[in-house]
Protein backbone atom coordinates (compact mmCIF):
# COMPACT_ATOMS: atom_id res chain seq x y z
CA UNK A 1 -32.62 38.16 -35.17
CA UNK A 2 -31.97 40.71 -37.91
CA UNK A 3 -27.83 40.38 -37.50
CA UNK A 4 -28.43 36.33 -37.26
CA UNK A 5 -30.35 36.78 -40.86
CA UNK A 6 -27.56 39.13 -42.17
CA UNK A 7 -25.15 36.54 -40.88
CA UNK A 8 -26.69 33.61 -42.18
CA UNK A 9 -27.44 34.99 -45.38
CA UNK A 10 -23.94 36.19 -45.75
CA UNK A 11 -22.65 32.74 -45.24
CA UNK A 12 -25.02 31.26 -47.76
CA UNK A 13 -23.65 33.59 -50.05
CA UNK A 14 -20.14 32.63 -49.55
CA UNK A 15 -20.93 29.18 -50.01
CA UNK A 16 -22.69 29.55 -53.16
CA UNK A 17 -19.97 31.58 -54.62
CA UNK A 18 -17.17 28.31 -53.41
CA UNK A 19 -19.69 25.92 -55.09
CA UNK A 20 -19.54 28.01 -58.68
CA UNK A 21 -15.63 28.67 -58.34
CA UNK A 22 -14.23 26.71 -55.93
CA UNK A 23 -10.59 26.81 -57.40
CA UNK A 24 -11.08 30.79 -57.47
CA UNK A 25 -12.15 30.59 -53.85
CA UNK A 26 -9.60 28.21 -52.67
CA UNK A 27 -6.83 30.39 -54.22
CA UNK A 28 -8.34 33.52 -52.67
CA UNK A 29 -8.46 31.58 -49.50
CA UNK A 30 -4.77 30.95 -49.34
CA UNK A 31 -3.41 34.45 -50.79
CA UNK A 32 -5.50 35.48 -47.20
CA UNK A 33 -3.78 33.09 -45.15
CA UNK A 34 -0.26 33.48 -46.77
CA UNK A 35 -1.03 37.52 -46.35
CA UNK A 36 -1.83 36.43 -42.43
CA UNK A 37 0.94 33.98 -42.10
CA UNK A 38 3.80 36.51 -43.61
CA UNK A 39 2.83 39.32 -41.89
CA UNK A 40 2.54 37.63 -38.28
CA UNK A 41 5.42 35.48 -38.96
CA UNK A 42 7.98 37.70 -41.08
CA UNK A 43 7.15 41.16 -39.87
CA UNK A 44 5.47 40.81 -36.28
CA UNK A 45 7.19 38.11 -34.68
CA UNK A 46 10.55 38.60 -35.78
CA UNK A 47 10.44 42.58 -34.74
CA UNK A 48 8.71 41.47 -31.39
CA UNK A 49 11.86 39.07 -30.60
CA UNK A 50 14.26 41.59 -31.63
CA UNK A 51 12.36 44.46 -29.52
CA UNK A 52 12.57 42.04 -26.81
CA UNK A 53 16.33 41.31 -27.22
CA UNK A 54 17.44 44.99 -27.72
CA UNK A 55 16.78 45.38 -23.68
CA UNK A 56 19.52 42.73 -23.21
CA UNK A 57 21.60 44.32 -25.81
CA UNK A 58 21.64 47.84 -24.11
CA UNK A 59 22.70 46.48 -20.79
CA UNK A 60 25.56 44.36 -22.53
CA UNK A 61 26.79 46.30 -25.86
CA UNK A 62 28.78 44.28 -28.47
CA UNK A 63 30.25 45.12 -31.42
CA UNK A 64 27.48 46.01 -34.50
CA UNK A 65 25.89 42.99 -35.73
CA UNK A 66 24.96 42.68 -39.55
CA UNK A 67 21.33 43.34 -39.74
CA UNK A 68 20.39 40.15 -41.76
CA UNK A 69 23.00 37.36 -39.75
CA UNK A 70 23.37 38.85 -36.57
CA UNK A 71 26.48 37.55 -35.16
CA UNK A 72 25.75 34.27 -35.98
CA UNK A 73 27.94 34.38 -39.46
CA UNK A 74 30.79 35.83 -37.61
CA UNK A 75 31.06 33.28 -35.00
CA UNK A 76 29.95 30.21 -36.13
CA UNK A 77 30.95 30.62 -40.02
CA UNK A 78 33.86 32.96 -40.59
CA UNK A 79 35.32 31.53 -37.40
CA UNK A 80 33.46 27.95 -37.58
CA UNK A 81 37.17 26.82 -36.63
CA UNK A 82 37.79 28.93 -33.39
CA UNK A 83 34.31 29.53 -32.60
CA UNK A 84 35.50 29.62 -28.43
CA UNK A 85 38.16 31.80 -29.11
CA UNK A 86 35.89 34.29 -31.13
CA UNK A 87 33.22 34.37 -28.33
CA UNK A 88 36.07 34.51 -25.43
CA UNK A 89 37.23 37.72 -27.81
CA UNK A 90 34.22 39.56 -26.73
CA UNK A 91 34.05 39.33 -22.99
CA UNK A 92 36.99 41.58 -22.09
CA UNK A 93 36.39 42.50 -18.53
CA UNK A 94 32.67 41.32 -18.38
CA UNK A 95 31.31 37.66 -17.15
CA UNK A 96 28.18 38.19 -19.32
CA UNK A 97 27.85 38.85 -23.32
CA UNK A 98 25.29 38.83 -25.78
CA UNK A 99 24.99 37.89 -29.36
CA UNK A 100 22.53 39.22 -31.91
CA UNK A 101 20.99 36.29 -33.78
CA UNK A 102 19.81 36.15 -37.42
CA UNK A 103 16.79 38.39 -38.36
CA UNK A 104 14.42 34.94 -39.14
CA UNK A 105 15.82 32.87 -35.72
CA UNK A 106 13.28 31.85 -33.42
CA UNK A 107 15.99 32.55 -30.77
CA UNK A 108 15.84 36.63 -29.85
CA UNK A 109 19.55 36.41 -28.40
CA UNK A 110 22.48 34.58 -27.34
CA UNK A 111 23.66 35.03 -23.99
CA UNK A 112 26.69 33.93 -22.67
CA UNK A 113 28.18 33.82 -19.35
CA UNK A 114 30.80 32.99 -17.33
CA UNK A 115 29.96 34.21 -14.02
CA UNK A 116 28.92 31.59 -10.88
CA UNK A 117 25.91 33.17 -9.61
CA UNK A 118 24.33 33.10 -13.46
CA UNK A 119 25.32 29.52 -13.57
CA UNK A 120 23.75 28.26 -10.58
CA UNK A 121 20.71 30.33 -11.59
CA UNK A 122 20.53 28.38 -14.46
CA UNK A 123 21.38 25.21 -13.68
CA UNK A 124 19.78 24.97 -10.13
CA UNK A 125 17.87 27.87 -8.68
CA UNK A 126 15.89 28.62 -11.96
CA UNK A 127 16.21 24.71 -13.11
CA UNK A 128 12.48 24.33 -14.50
CA UNK A 129 13.00 27.72 -16.30
CA UNK A 130 15.94 26.41 -18.57
CA UNK A 131 15.28 23.70 -20.77
CA UNK A 132 17.05 22.03 -23.63
CA UNK A 133 14.40 22.42 -26.70
CA UNK A 134 13.45 25.92 -28.47
CA UNK A 135 9.59 27.08 -28.32
CA UNK A 136 8.15 24.02 -29.76
CA UNK A 137 9.45 21.79 -26.93
CA UNK A 138 10.55 19.38 -29.82
CA UNK A 139 13.50 20.62 -31.46
CA UNK A 140 16.86 22.12 -31.26
CA UNK A 141 17.77 25.31 -32.65
CA UNK A 142 17.44 24.82 -36.27
CA UNK A 143 20.94 27.08 -36.79
CA UNK A 144 22.88 25.83 -34.39
CA UNK A 145 22.27 22.02 -33.67
CA UNK A 146 20.33 21.02 -36.61
CA UNK A 147 21.02 16.91 -36.35
CA UNK A 148 20.56 16.26 -32.66
CA UNK A 149 17.12 15.04 -33.25
CA UNK A 150 18.31 12.52 -35.85
CA UNK A 151 21.23 11.76 -34.04
CA UNK A 152 20.24 11.43 -30.13
CA UNK A 153 16.42 11.20 -30.75
CA UNK A 154 14.84 10.21 -27.39
CA UNK A 155 18.27 9.78 -25.53
CA UNK A 156 19.13 11.46 -22.02
CA UNK A 157 21.14 14.14 -23.49
CA UNK A 158 18.32 15.25 -25.83
CA UNK A 159 15.04 14.83 -23.71
CA UNK A 160 13.50 17.66 -21.68
CA UNK A 161 13.40 18.09 -18.18
CA UNK A 162 10.33 19.73 -16.05
CA UNK A 163 6.78 20.67 -16.19
CA UNK A 164 7.51 22.37 -19.58
CA UNK A 165 8.93 19.00 -21.18
CA UNK A 166 5.85 16.96 -23.03
CA UNK A 167 5.93 14.61 -20.70
CA UNK A 168 6.44 16.51 -17.86
CA UNK A 169 10.00 15.59 -17.40
CA UNK A 170 9.32 11.78 -16.14
CA UNK A 171 11.31 10.48 -19.01
CA UNK A 172 14.21 11.89 -18.35
CA UNK A 173 13.86 10.94 -14.40
CA UNK A 174 13.51 7.33 -15.13
CA UNK A 175 16.52 7.62 -17.55
CA UNK A 176 18.84 9.03 -14.84
CA UNK A 177 17.38 7.44 -12.09
CA UNK A 178 18.49 4.16 -13.67
CA UNK A 179 21.37 5.34 -15.03
CA UNK A 180 22.59 6.39 -11.36
CA UNK A 181 22.71 2.61 -10.25
CA UNK A 182 25.62 1.97 -11.90
CA UNK A 183 28.15 4.83 -10.85
CA UNK A 184 28.46 3.45 -7.25
CA UNK A 185 31.72 3.16 -5.24
CA UNK A 186 31.26 -0.18 -5.16
CA UNK A 187 31.58 -0.39 -8.82
CA UNK A 188 34.31 1.32 -9.35
CA UNK A 189 36.39 -0.59 -6.89
CA UNK A 190 35.20 -4.08 -8.11
CA UNK A 191 34.18 -4.21 -11.57
CA UNK A 192 35.48 -0.99 -13.37
CA UNK A 193 38.58 -1.05 -11.80
CA UNK A 194 40.13 -4.44 -13.62
CA UNK A 195 37.87 -3.57 -16.84
CA UNK A 196 39.78 -0.28 -16.78
CA UNK A 197 43.23 -1.94 -16.38
CA UNK A 198 42.84 -4.58 -18.49
CA UNK A 199 41.72 -2.25 -21.69
CA UNK A 200 44.71 -0.15 -20.71
CA UNK A 201 47.20 -3.11 -20.76
CA UNK A 202 45.29 -3.54 -24.47
CA UNK A 203 45.86 -0.39 -25.68
CA UNK A 204 49.44 0.03 -24.67
CA UNK A 205 50.16 -3.42 -26.37
CA UNK A 206 48.22 -1.88 -29.81
CA UNK A 207 50.54 1.15 -28.95
CA UNK A 208 53.73 -1.20 -29.23
CA UNK A 209 52.36 -2.99 -31.95
CA UNK A 210 52.64 0.10 -34.03
CA UNK A 211 56.17 1.11 -35.75
CA UNK A 212 55.53 4.60 -36.64
CA UNK A 213 53.85 7.67 -34.85
CA UNK A 214 51.03 6.62 -33.35
CA UNK A 215 47.52 8.42 -33.38
CA UNK A 216 46.51 8.58 -29.62
CA UNK A 217 43.34 9.98 -30.41
CA UNK A 218 42.42 6.88 -32.13
CA UNK A 219 44.02 4.45 -29.21
CA UNK A 220 41.84 6.16 -26.47
CA UNK A 221 38.52 6.36 -28.44
CA UNK A 222 39.24 2.84 -28.76
CA UNK A 223 40.47 2.17 -25.29
CA UNK A 224 37.04 4.22 -24.02
CA UNK A 225 34.79 1.98 -26.49
CA UNK A 226 35.85 -1.21 -25.24
CA UNK A 227 35.74 0.38 -21.69
CA UNK A 228 31.84 1.36 -21.84
CA UNK A 229 31.06 -1.75 -24.44
CA UNK A 230 31.96 -3.87 -21.24
CA UNK A 231 30.64 -1.70 -18.50
CA UNK A 232 27.36 -0.60 -20.12
CA UNK A 233 26.39 -3.27 -22.55
CA UNK A 234 28.36 -6.28 -21.45
CA UNK A 235 30.06 -6.27 -24.73
CA UNK A 236 33.24 -6.79 -26.49
CA UNK A 237 33.68 -5.07 -29.65
CA UNK A 238 37.42 -6.13 -30.13
CA UNK A 239 38.62 -2.57 -31.16
CA UNK A 240 41.94 -2.97 -29.83
CA UNK A 241 42.83 -6.37 -31.05
CA UNK A 242 45.49 -7.00 -33.86
CA UNK A 243 42.80 -7.92 -36.06
CA UNK A 244 40.63 -4.80 -35.24
CA UNK A 245 38.39 -3.99 -38.38
CA UNK A 246 38.64 -0.20 -39.48
CA UNK A 247 34.64 0.01 -39.63
CA UNK A 248 33.47 -0.50 -36.60
CA UNK A 249 30.82 0.82 -33.86
CA UNK A 250 33.77 3.30 -33.04
CA UNK A 251 34.91 4.79 -36.50
CA UNK A 252 30.93 5.26 -37.37
CA UNK A 253 30.55 7.00 -34.12
CA UNK A 254 33.57 9.16 -35.24
CA UNK A 255 32.09 9.62 -38.69
CA UNK A 256 28.72 11.05 -37.34
CA UNK A 257 30.08 13.21 -34.74
CA UNK A 258 32.34 15.00 -37.47
CA UNK A 259 29.02 15.47 -39.85
CA UNK A 260 26.98 16.65 -37.16
CA UNK A 261 29.55 19.35 -36.19
CA UNK A 262 29.26 20.13 -39.99
CA UNK A 263 25.79 20.66 -39.88
CA UNK A 264 26.22 24.00 -38.63
CA UNK A 265 26.44 26.60 -41.13
CA UNK A 266 24.69 29.34 -43.54
CA UNK A 267 22.68 26.59 -44.59
CA UNK A 268 21.22 25.51 -41.42
CA UNK A 269 20.71 29.35 -40.37
CA UNK A 270 18.42 29.57 -43.64
CA UNK A 271 17.09 25.92 -42.54
CA UNK A 272 15.75 27.64 -39.39
CA UNK A 273 13.64 30.30 -42.12
CA UNK A 274 11.21 27.14 -42.43
CA UNK A 275 10.06 28.48 -38.83
CA UNK A 276 8.62 31.47 -40.08
CA UNK A 277 7.06 30.08 -43.75
CA UNK A 278 3.50 29.31 -44.41
CA UNK A 279 2.61 25.69 -44.89
CA UNK A 280 3.41 24.11 -47.55
CA UNK A 281 6.59 26.42 -48.06
CA UNK A 282 8.08 25.23 -44.40
CA UNK A 283 8.05 21.68 -45.54
CA UNK A 284 9.71 22.77 -49.07
CA UNK A 285 13.06 24.32 -47.59
CA UNK A 286 13.17 21.41 -44.55
CA UNK A 287 13.43 19.09 -47.38
CA UNK A 288 15.89 21.49 -49.33
CA UNK A 289 17.97 21.27 -46.25
CA UNK A 290 17.89 17.83 -45.68
CA UNK A 291 18.44 16.92 -49.46
CA UNK A 292 21.66 18.43 -49.42
CA UNK A 293 24.94 16.29 -49.75
CA UNK A 294 26.55 16.32 -46.44
CA UNK A 295 22.59 16.07 -44.61
CA UNK A 296 21.81 13.07 -46.82
CA UNK A 297 25.57 11.51 -45.72
CA UNK A 298 24.49 12.59 -42.23
CA UNK A 299 21.32 10.83 -41.63
CA UNK A 300 22.63 7.75 -43.59
CA UNK A 301 25.33 7.58 -40.97
CA UNK A 302 23.20 7.93 -38.26
CA UNK A 303 20.93 5.09 -39.54
CA UNK A 304 24.16 2.83 -40.05
CA UNK A 305 25.64 3.92 -36.19
CA UNK A 306 21.60 2.96 -35.01
CA UNK A 307 22.20 -0.71 -36.84
CA UNK A 308 25.41 -1.35 -34.76
CA UNK A 309 23.39 -0.10 -31.67
CA UNK A 310 20.41 -2.11 -32.77
CA UNK A 311 22.54 -5.78 -32.90
CA UNK A 312 23.64 -4.78 -29.12
CA UNK A 313 20.21 -4.83 -28.36
CA UNK A 314 19.29 -7.90 -30.00
CA UNK A 315 22.33 -9.56 -28.74
CA UNK A 316 21.20 -8.51 -25.15
CA UNK A 317 17.49 -10.05 -25.86
CA UNK A 318 19.21 -13.65 -26.48
CA UNK A 319 21.27 -13.62 -23.89
CA UNK A 320 19.38 -16.63 -21.49
CA UNK A 321 21.02 -14.63 -18.31
CA UNK A 322 19.58 -10.90 -19.14
CA UNK A 323 18.04 -10.63 -15.80
CA UNK A 324 20.90 -11.62 -13.86
CA UNK A 325 22.91 -8.93 -15.56
CA UNK A 326 23.88 -5.84 -13.77
CA UNK A 327 25.28 -3.59 -16.85
CA UNK A 328 23.66 -0.16 -18.07
CA UNK A 329 21.62 -1.44 -20.56
CA UNK A 330 20.43 -4.77 -18.86
CA UNK A 331 19.34 -2.25 -16.23
CA UNK A 332 16.93 -0.60 -18.88
CA UNK A 333 15.86 -3.41 -20.25
CA UNK A 334 14.84 -4.98 -16.89
CA UNK A 335 13.22 -1.56 -16.16
CA UNK A 336 9.36 -0.36 -17.18
CA UNK A 337 7.72 3.20 -18.28
CA UNK A 338 3.91 3.33 -16.92
CA UNK A 339 3.59 -0.43 -16.71
CA UNK A 340 5.47 -1.45 -19.91
CA UNK A 341 9.19 -2.53 -21.08
CA UNK A 342 11.21 0.03 -22.93
CA UNK A 343 10.49 -0.42 -26.40
CA UNK A 344 13.19 -1.78 -28.57
CA UNK A 345 13.99 2.20 -30.35
CA UNK A 346 13.99 3.59 -27.38
CA UNK A 347 17.04 1.43 -26.03
CA UNK A 348 18.83 1.92 -29.17
CA UNK A 349 18.07 6.17 -28.07
CA UNK A 350 20.04 4.91 -25.19
CA UNK A 351 22.53 3.18 -26.32
CA UNK A 352 23.91 5.96 -28.63
CA UNK A 353 23.71 8.27 -25.70
CA UNK A 354 25.47 6.59 -23.25
CA UNK A 355 28.11 5.79 -25.77
CA UNK A 356 28.39 9.27 -26.42
CA UNK A 357 28.55 9.98 -22.93
CA UNK A 358 31.14 7.05 -21.59
CA UNK A 359 33.45 7.11 -24.92
CA UNK A 360 33.55 10.41 -26.21
CA UNK A 361 34.03 12.68 -23.12
CA UNK A 362 36.70 10.60 -21.23
CA UNK A 363 38.77 10.08 -25.05
CA UNK A 364 38.96 14.07 -25.21
CA UNK A 365 40.10 14.05 -21.55
CA UNK A 366 42.96 11.65 -22.35
CA UNK A 367 43.75 13.36 -25.91
CA UNK A 368 44.30 16.48 -24.51
CA UNK A 369 46.11 15.30 -21.24
CA UNK A 370 48.43 13.64 -23.50
CA UNK A 371 49.19 16.67 -25.97
CA UNK A 372 49.72 18.79 -23.21
CA UNK A 373 52.08 16.50 -21.51
CA UNK A 374 53.74 16.16 -24.87
CA UNK A 375 54.00 20.12 -24.80
CA UNK A 376 54.98 20.49 -21.49
CA UNK A 377 57.86 17.28 -20.49
CA UNK A 378 58.68 18.59 -17.06
CA UNK A 379 54.86 18.07 -15.71
CA UNK A 380 55.64 14.88 -17.51
CA UNK A 381 58.53 13.46 -15.84
CA UNK A 382 56.24 14.91 -12.55
CA UNK A 383 53.84 12.74 -13.06
CA UNK A 384 56.07 10.19 -13.80
CA UNK A 385 57.75 10.07 -10.91
CA UNK A 386 54.66 10.35 -8.50
CA UNK A 387 53.59 7.14 -10.84
CA UNK A 388 57.02 5.46 -9.75
CA UNK A 389 56.09 5.28 -6.12
CA UNK A 390 53.40 2.74 -7.34
CA UNK A 391 56.41 0.04 -8.08
CA UNK A 392 55.08 -2.68 -9.76
CA UNK A 393 51.47 -2.34 -8.49
CA UNK A 394 49.15 -1.77 -11.11
CA UNK A 395 46.64 1.17 -10.61
CA UNK A 396 43.19 0.94 -8.80
CA UNK A 397 40.76 2.92 -7.29
CA UNK A 398 42.26 3.11 -3.99
CA UNK A 399 46.12 4.32 -5.69
CA UNK A 400 44.50 6.43 -7.85
CA UNK A 401 42.90 8.49 -4.96
CA UNK A 402 46.27 8.65 -3.49
CA UNK A 403 47.65 10.89 -6.20
CA UNK A 404 47.47 14.47 -6.09
CA UNK A 405 49.36 15.09 -8.54
CA UNK A 406 47.41 12.81 -11.10
CA UNK A 407 44.37 14.44 -9.81
CA UNK A 408 45.56 17.61 -10.60
CA UNK A 409 46.82 17.53 -14.21
CA UNK A 410 43.16 15.95 -15.27
CA UNK A 411 41.59 18.82 -13.53
CA UNK A 412 44.03 21.35 -14.96
CA UNK A 413 43.74 19.56 -18.32
CA UNK A 414 39.74 20.22 -17.91
CA UNK A 415 40.28 23.81 -17.29
CA UNK A 416 42.67 24.59 -20.26
CA UNK A 417 40.90 22.16 -22.75
CA UNK A 418 36.90 21.28 -21.44
CA UNK A 419 35.90 18.47 -23.03
CA UNK A 420 32.38 20.20 -23.69
CA UNK A 421 33.62 23.99 -23.94
CA UNK A 422 30.49 25.32 -24.77
CA UNK A 423 26.83 24.14 -23.80
CA UNK A 424 23.12 25.78 -23.45
CA UNK A 425 19.95 26.23 -22.11
CA UNK A 426 16.68 27.88 -23.55
CA UNK A 427 14.45 30.51 -21.22
CA UNK A 428 10.89 29.26 -21.32
CA UNK A 429 10.08 32.32 -19.73
CA UNK A 430 11.35 35.91 -19.69
CA UNK A 431 13.84 35.88 -16.54
CA UNK A 432 16.42 38.04 -14.88
CA UNK A 433 19.85 36.72 -14.25
CA UNK A 434 21.78 37.57 -10.66
CA UNK A 435 23.99 40.20 -12.55
CA UNK A 436 21.08 41.79 -13.78
CA UNK A 437 20.85 40.60 -17.17
CA UNK A 438 17.63 40.39 -19.35
CA UNK A 439 16.85 36.94 -20.33
CA UNK A 440 14.01 37.24 -23.22
CA UNK A 441 11.43 34.33 -23.51
CA UNK A 442 13.19 31.57 -25.68
CA UNK A 443 16.96 33.37 -25.58
CA UNK A 444 19.43 30.75 -25.52
CA UNK A 445 21.69 31.00 -22.89
CA UNK A 446 25.56 29.67 -23.05
CA UNK A 447 27.68 28.43 -19.92
CA UNK A 448 31.05 28.67 -21.41
CA UNK A 449 33.57 26.53 -19.16
CA UNK A 450 35.97 27.21 -22.36
CA UNK A 451 35.87 30.94 -21.00
CA UNK A 452 35.76 30.01 -17.22
CA UNK A 453 39.16 28.24 -17.97
CA UNK A 454 40.70 31.49 -19.04
CA UNK A 455 39.43 33.85 -16.47
CA UNK A 456 42.23 35.57 -15.09
CA UNK A 457 40.32 36.75 -12.04
CA UNK A 458 39.97 33.00 -11.10
CA UNK A 459 43.18 31.67 -11.80
CA UNK A 460 45.94 34.10 -12.03
CA UNK A 461 48.14 35.85 -14.39
CA UNK A 462 49.44 32.38 -15.57
CA UNK A 463 46.32 31.15 -16.86
CA UNK A 464 47.71 29.65 -19.72
CA UNK A 465 50.16 27.73 -18.00
CA UNK A 466 49.89 23.82 -17.52
CA UNK A 467 50.32 24.01 -13.62
CA UNK A 468 48.68 20.95 -12.31
CA UNK A 469 50.28 22.35 -8.17
CA UNK A 470 47.14 24.97 -8.87
CA UNK A 471 44.97 21.97 -7.72
CA UNK A 472 47.04 20.31 -5.12
CA UNK A 473 46.18 20.98 -1.26
CA UNK A 474 42.97 23.13 -2.04
CA UNK A 475 39.17 22.28 -2.34
CA UNK A 476 37.77 21.94 -5.80
CA UNK A 477 35.57 25.13 -6.68
CA UNK A 478 32.18 24.77 -6.73
CA UNK A 479 30.70 22.87 -9.98
CA UNK A 480 28.91 26.07 -10.94
CA UNK A 481 32.10 28.23 -10.65
CA UNK A 482 34.01 25.35 -13.07
CA UNK A 483 31.09 23.24 -15.09
CA UNK A 484 33.45 21.28 -16.32
CA UNK A 485 30.75 18.29 -16.17
CA UNK A 486 27.76 20.79 -16.03
CA UNK A 487 26.21 21.42 -12.41
CA UNK A 488 22.72 21.33 -10.61
CA UNK A 489 19.80 18.03 -11.16
CA UNK A 490 22.16 17.54 -14.69
CA UNK A 491 25.18 17.12 -13.85
CA UNK A 492 27.55 14.68 -15.40
CA UNK A 493 26.59 11.34 -13.62
CA UNK A 494 29.86 9.58 -15.01
CA UNK A 495 32.16 12.57 -13.68
CA UNK A 496 34.09 10.35 -11.01
CA UNK A 497 34.31 7.53 -13.47
CA UNK A 498 35.71 9.57 -16.17
CA UNK A 499 38.21 10.80 -13.90
CA UNK A 500 38.97 7.44 -12.37
CA UNK A 501 38.93 5.85 -16.28
CA UNK A 502 41.43 8.50 -17.41
CA UNK A 503 43.65 8.01 -14.13
CA UNK A 504 43.93 4.32 -15.06
CA UNK A 505 44.86 4.81 -18.63
CA UNK A 506 47.30 7.73 -18.14
CA UNK A 507 49.09 5.60 -15.69
CA UNK A 508 49.60 2.40 -17.10
CA UNK A 509 50.59 4.44 -20.30
CA UNK A 510 52.88 6.57 -18.35
CA UNK A 511 54.65 3.42 -16.52
CA UNK A 512 55.51 2.08 -20.00
CA UNK A 513 56.21 5.37 -22.56
CA UNK A 514 57.59 8.67 -22.64
CA UNK A 515 55.38 10.92 -24.95
CA UNK A 516 56.58 13.59 -27.19
CA UNK A 517 55.35 14.90 -30.66
CA UNK A 518 55.87 13.04 -33.91
CA UNK A 519 56.41 16.45 -35.52
CA UNK A 520 58.56 18.73 -33.18
CA UNK A 521 56.31 21.46 -35.15
CA UNK A 522 53.23 20.13 -34.46
CA UNK A 523 50.92 23.08 -33.13
CA UNK A 524 47.63 21.22 -31.70
CA UNK A 525 44.14 22.65 -32.92
CA UNK A 526 40.80 21.70 -31.67
CA UNK A 527 38.17 20.37 -33.72
CA UNK A 528 34.50 21.40 -34.49
CA UNK A 529 32.92 18.83 -32.35
CA UNK A 530 30.48 19.04 -29.51
CA UNK A 531 32.96 16.89 -27.40
CA UNK A 532 36.18 18.48 -28.56
CA UNK A 533 39.13 16.66 -29.70
CA UNK A 534 42.17 17.47 -31.55
CA UNK A 535 41.95 18.31 -35.28
CA UNK A 536 43.25 15.64 -37.49
CA UNK A 537 44.54 13.48 -34.80
CA UNK A 538 47.16 13.40 -32.32
CA UNK A 539 50.26 11.56 -33.62
CA UNK A 540 52.64 11.25 -31.07
CA UNK A 541 56.22 9.29 -30.60
CA UNK A 542 55.68 6.41 -27.62
CA UNK A 543 59.47 5.68 -26.56
CA UNK A 544 59.25 2.64 -24.46
CA UNK A 545 60.80 2.97 -20.79
CA UNK A 546 63.03 0.29 -19.10
CA UNK A 547 61.43 -1.69 -16.54
CA UNK A 548 61.67 -0.28 -13.12
CA UNK A 549 62.60 3.40 -14.31
CA UNK A 550 59.31 4.72 -13.35
CA UNK A 551 59.80 2.83 -9.88
CA UNK A 552 63.49 4.31 -9.63
CA UNK A 553 62.26 7.84 -10.31
CA UNK A 554 59.56 7.63 -7.54
CA UNK A 555 62.35 6.62 -5.43
CA UNK A 556 64.44 9.80 -5.97
């Protein structure tokens, strides 16, 4: 009773002071909060994270990082145009390396691996523990990919799977289940085959109409956007027509992709400081970041892109035959989640995500295929000889399946120039990889297709050489050993469609043209986009081949 009385008296005394001097009391209370918050977020948490990271760093020594920036500035700022090469330089003979994060980053350490067993552990065996978002389970890394939420929202590429997701992974499962319905062999043989060939012919006709050097990266992006417009959204964008507008869904997509890649840098690393700041300074720092010139341009372009997507969704709503349609958008519009139709905003998110999946990845594969074929004319000749065996027959699902050199070329291009060279997951709980590497809680673990493709232990001493023959007559490596299309439960649903579509386009193109660099001194460099393209475009001369020449070469 005496204790209760003393507590009561103390509380009454505090309340009396607050009533008499409210502003001073409020200020003192905030100072106490500020002191506690700073102590916890600026001292205790970073020290604990770095202590956890030190276990990994002792296992995997790397050159001394900056005390403030870690390895982040070295890799993602100073070497921003050669991030993958810089990361690969650190591997040497090892299969797993670590990179220190900035001292204020919520991520304790970056771990990058090309070890097949590690990749399998991350993408399948311990699938539930490796997710996309940071420890808030809502956002991606502010330092690495600060604009992804504004770009993809609640589409399939941003939402989390597993028990740690906000909804237990139900949204991801639903989106994947619905999307899987369109990637069937029956669809490949019927609807997709005709669509891809029709658009490939349109692309070749556009090449014929251009007198000077042709930007084939632009051609391939138009081709893939038209193709997925037909197949995914029952829409014709008209991007390959004579009067195609320079302002379009496709060009807007390119601008958003480029701006998204440019969000990463010192400014984004400082943006990550908002996770440590007490209120309201966290909101002040976030506002400072998003009011930057590139950031405001990026958000405006994201909204412009969503405007195009809303038009696609509204057009589908207006279609009296929507219930009979079997395109991807119609499947989602006719589906239900928790007994209700999907909202229009979610449908817009899905249009963005599947346009990114169906357009950019295949366009990247085609662009690098044309680039490497132009660099290696002897490979181009061998491929044209195989194509020549078709004679006047148009390419189809069955014919593409019977062209081993073409298939070998596509896999070889994916080895040398993977469409997504670097991908990652976040560890929900501390873990140990099969090779013994300690993974702290919230560490970001990269699997590294770029490094996989350059590993001499896998491919031999001629690892830099374009050699489709290395794939012919041999079984494909497991998706964990060669994760060009991811692996495990989140493996790319459209993998076979992408290879089929790229095959149709290359056959149609090489039946008509011989490709070479417009500038013989041109040295292609990759861009900074997540889906890797050629920096500043791929300008080629397309020499028209006499009718029947391909067939003659095939009979030789």
